[in-house]
Amino acid sequence: MQHQMIFVNLPVADIDASREFFTRIGYRFDERMCQAGTCLGMELGPNMYAMLLDRKFFGTFHDAQIAEAGQHEVLTCLSASGPQEVDQVVEAALAAGGTQVRKEQNGDWMYGRSYADLDGHIWEIMWMDVEKATAAGSFG
């Protein structure tokens, strides 16, 4: 099965603060998918979006309890073109008020860093040379 689009839906406490935070990192928003005070359609790449939803609005999509800030169910990992871009994105997130989560480096084939956004969602920015990672036995 191959999907054409992806929408990662995340609850946020403050839509305006989330827009400012992610704008400072360098992300853009598809205004067709934004509604004042309710949701933001943040562009992650071609046909890839993070839907940042007001907590109350997020709750209308399911009957389960919404995880509180600091509880983690999802780690969103996004690719980068190289280690320099990894650092650029994470440093921008930290300057915008995010929190460093971890840093990982595996030889010359993988480099990644993670940050938590204003609502505690973890974003991992990762560069990997798949051929070298495979040769190193990273994939079993």
Protein backbone atom coordinates (compact mmCIF):
# COMPACT_ATOMS: atom_id res chain seq x y z
CA MET A 1 0.00 0.00 0.00
CA GLN A 2 1.29 3.47 -0.86
CA HIS A 3 -0.31 6.60 0.54
CA GLN A 4 -0.38 9.92 -1.28
CA MET A 5 -0.35 12.28 1.71
CA ILE A 6 0.39 12.22 5.44
CA PHE A 7 -1.18 14.28 8.19
CA VAL A 8 0.31 13.98 11.68
CA ASN A 9 -2.27 15.44 14.09
CA LEU A 10 -0.93 16.92 17.33
CA PRO A 11 -2.76 18.70 20.16
CA VAL A 12 -1.38 22.12 21.13
CA ALA A 13 -2.24 24.45 23.98
CA ASP A 14 -1.84 27.73 22.08
CA ILE A 15 -2.31 27.92 18.30
CA ASP A 16 -0.72 31.38 17.99
CA ALA A 17 2.34 30.42 20.06
CA SER A 18 2.77 27.25 17.97
CA ARG A 19 2.61 29.25 14.74
CA GLU A 20 5.25 31.67 16.01
CA PHE A 21 7.50 28.86 17.29
CA PHE A 22 7.49 26.85 14.06
CA THR A 23 7.74 29.98 11.88
CA ARG A 24 10.93 30.91 13.75
CA ILE A 25 12.35 27.48 12.91
CA GLY A 26 11.58 28.05 9.23
CA TYR A 27 8.38 26.11 8.62
CA ARG A 28 5.51 27.45 6.51
CA PHE A 29 1.79 26.94 6.81
CA ASP A 30 -0.74 26.06 4.15
CA GLU A 31 -3.37 28.69 4.88
CA ARG A 32 -6.02 26.53 3.20
CA MET A 33 -5.59 24.18 6.13
CA CYS A 34 -5.54 26.80 8.88
CA GLN A 35 -8.43 28.08 10.96
CA ALA A 36 -7.90 30.86 13.49
CA GLY A 37 -7.75 29.55 17.03
CA THR A 38 -8.45 25.96 15.98
CA CYS A 39 -5.85 24.44 13.66
CA LEU A 40 -2.70 25.01 11.64
CA GLY A 41 -1.60 23.00 8.61
CA MET A 42 2.20 23.07 8.86
CA GLU A 43 4.05 22.00 5.71
CA LEU A 44 6.69 19.33 6.31
CA GLY A 45 7.33 18.51 2.65
CA PRO A 46 5.40 17.69 -0.50
CA ASN A 47 2.03 16.33 0.65
CA MET A 48 3.26 16.00 4.26
CA TYR A 49 1.65 18.04 7.03
CA ALA A 50 1.64 18.37 10.78
CA MET A 51 -1.84 19.43 11.79
CA LEU A 52 -1.44 21.44 14.98
CA LEU A 53 -4.85 21.31 16.59
CA ASP A 54 -6.22 23.18 19.58
CA ARG A 55 -6.57 20.56 22.36
CA LYS A 56 -10.37 20.87 22.44
CA PHE A 57 -10.62 20.54 18.65
CA PHE A 58 -8.17 17.60 18.70
CA GLY A 59 -10.52 15.87 21.14
CA THR A 60 -13.38 15.96 18.64
CA PHE A 61 -11.58 13.39 16.46
CA HIS A 62 -11.67 10.59 19.06
CA ASP A 63 -13.17 9.46 22.34
CA ALA A 64 -9.90 8.72 24.16
CA GLN A 65 -8.21 10.91 26.76
CA ILE A 66 -5.70 13.38 25.31
CA ALA A 67 -2.17 12.84 26.57
CA GLU A 68 -1.00 15.57 28.91
CA ALA A 69 2.04 17.69 28.04
CA GLY A 70 5.16 15.69 28.86
CA GLN A 71 3.56 12.32 28.04
CA HIS A 72 4.76 10.86 24.77
CA GLU A 73 2.98 8.61 22.31
CA VAL A 74 4.66 9.73 19.09
CA LEU A 75 8.13 10.76 18.05
CA THR A 76 8.03 12.49 14.67
CA CYS A 77 11.27 11.93 12.76
CA LEU A 78 11.99 14.10 9.73
CA SER A 79 14.88 13.71 7.31
CA ALA A 80 17.57 16.30 6.71
CA SER A 81 19.99 16.68 3.81
CA GLY A 82 23.02 16.37 6.09
CA PRO A 83 24.39 16.96 9.60
CA GLN A 84 24.61 20.72 9.02
CA GLU A 85 20.87 20.92 8.27
CA VAL A 86 20.14 18.79 11.37
CA ASP A 87 22.00 21.31 13.52
CA GLN A 88 20.42 24.29 11.75
CA VAL A 89 16.85 23.08 12.38
CA VAL A 90 17.43 22.03 15.99
CA GLU A 91 19.35 25.20 16.89
CA ALA A 92 16.50 27.28 15.43
CA ALA A 93 14.01 25.26 17.53
CA LEU A 94 16.06 25.83 20.69
CA ALA A 95 16.35 29.56 19.95
CA ALA A 96 12.56 29.69 19.50
CA GLY A 97 11.95 28.17 22.95
CA GLY A 98 12.21 24.43 22.32
CA THR A 99 14.11 22.01 24.55
CA GLN A 100 17.01 19.75 23.53
CA VAL A 101 16.01 16.08 23.92
CA ARG A 102 18.98 14.10 22.62
CA LYS A 103 21.84 13.92 20.16
CA GLU A 104 22.92 10.79 18.30
CA GLN A 105 25.84 10.08 16.05
CA ASN A 106 26.78 6.71 14.61
CA GLY A 107 30.06 6.96 12.78
CA ASP A 108 29.92 8.55 9.37
CA TRP A 109 26.48 7.19 8.42
CA MET A 110 23.96 8.76 10.81
CA TYR A 111 23.50 11.98 12.73
CA GLY A 112 20.40 13.16 14.50
CA ARG A 113 19.16 15.49 17.18
CA SER A 114 15.78 15.81 18.84
CA TYR A 115 13.92 18.69 20.41
CA ALA A 116 10.63 19.12 22.20
CA ASP A 117 8.30 21.89 21.00
CA LEU A 118 6.27 24.19 23.24
CA ASP A 119 3.76 21.40 23.96
CA GLY A 120 6.38 18.72 24.62
CA HIS A 121 5.99 16.94 21.26
CA ILE A 122 9.31 15.39 20.24
CA TRP A 123 10.69 16.17 16.79
CA GLU A 124 13.73 14.20 15.66
CA ILE A 125 15.73 15.62 12.76
CA MET A 126 17.87 12.89 11.22
CA TRP A 127 20.40 12.49 8.42
CA MET A 128 21.36 8.97 7.38
CA ASP A 129 23.38 7.39 4.60
CA VAL A 130 21.18 4.30 4.07
CA GLU A 131 23.85 2.33 2.18
CA LYS A 132 26.45 2.82 4.93
CA ALA A 133 23.85 2.14 7.65
CA THR A 134 22.90 -1.12 5.92
CA ALA A 135 26.56 -2.12 5.58
CA ALA A 136 27.06 -1.40 9.29
CA GLY A 137 24.22 -3.82 10.12
CA SER A 138 21.87 -1.13 11.39
CA PHE A 139 18.82 -2.75 9.79
CA GLY A 140 19.26 -6.30 11.07
